[in-house]
Amino acid sequence: MSGYDFPYTVEQVASYEATLATPEVIGPVPEGLRVNFYVTGGTLLGPKLKGKLRPVGADWLTIRTDGVAVLDVRATLETDDGALIYCTYDGLIDMGPDGYQNFIDGTPPPPEGIDIRITPSFQTSHPDYLWLNKAVCYGIGKGFLDQNRVCYDVYQIK
């Protein structure tokens, strides 16, 4: 069987950069290494969303022993026209087979950043952004953990 040919389109929603506080390292837990990155702010710029990340929310990150980090992010976006949008996403960061130990040892990540893939979802009551409540999105980004920042391009699949 060759696959189906379902029609779809992909549209960019926005690019954003989040700034993060110095990580709070909880330490090794049964699932891996627990590290919390609290959001301190950020910018949101794109064809469908423009604004900022409010200085609330965090990434409750778990770095598994295989070097894969599992994201658990919640944040509030504020558009230039004052709409508040709750954003949550899961995702993965492949930090390489030594990623777990490198983080524990304080080995700096590569200067070009590490690849991140996310699946964000949104909730809002603002009438101009109700479409976000049912949007299926994905994001492609880079993490610059030594600089306490992450950058993403977020796309909607229609």
Foldseek 3Di string as FASTA:
>chain_A
DPDDDDDKDKDWQWKKKWFWDQKDWPQQDPQATWIKTFTQKIWIDDDHFGFMWHRGWIWGWGQGQQQKIKTWTWTWTAGPVGWIKIKTKIWIWRQHRCNRVCVVVVPAGDPVFTKIKMWMAIDGDDPSPRVRNPWTKMWIWGDRNVRRMIMITMMTMD
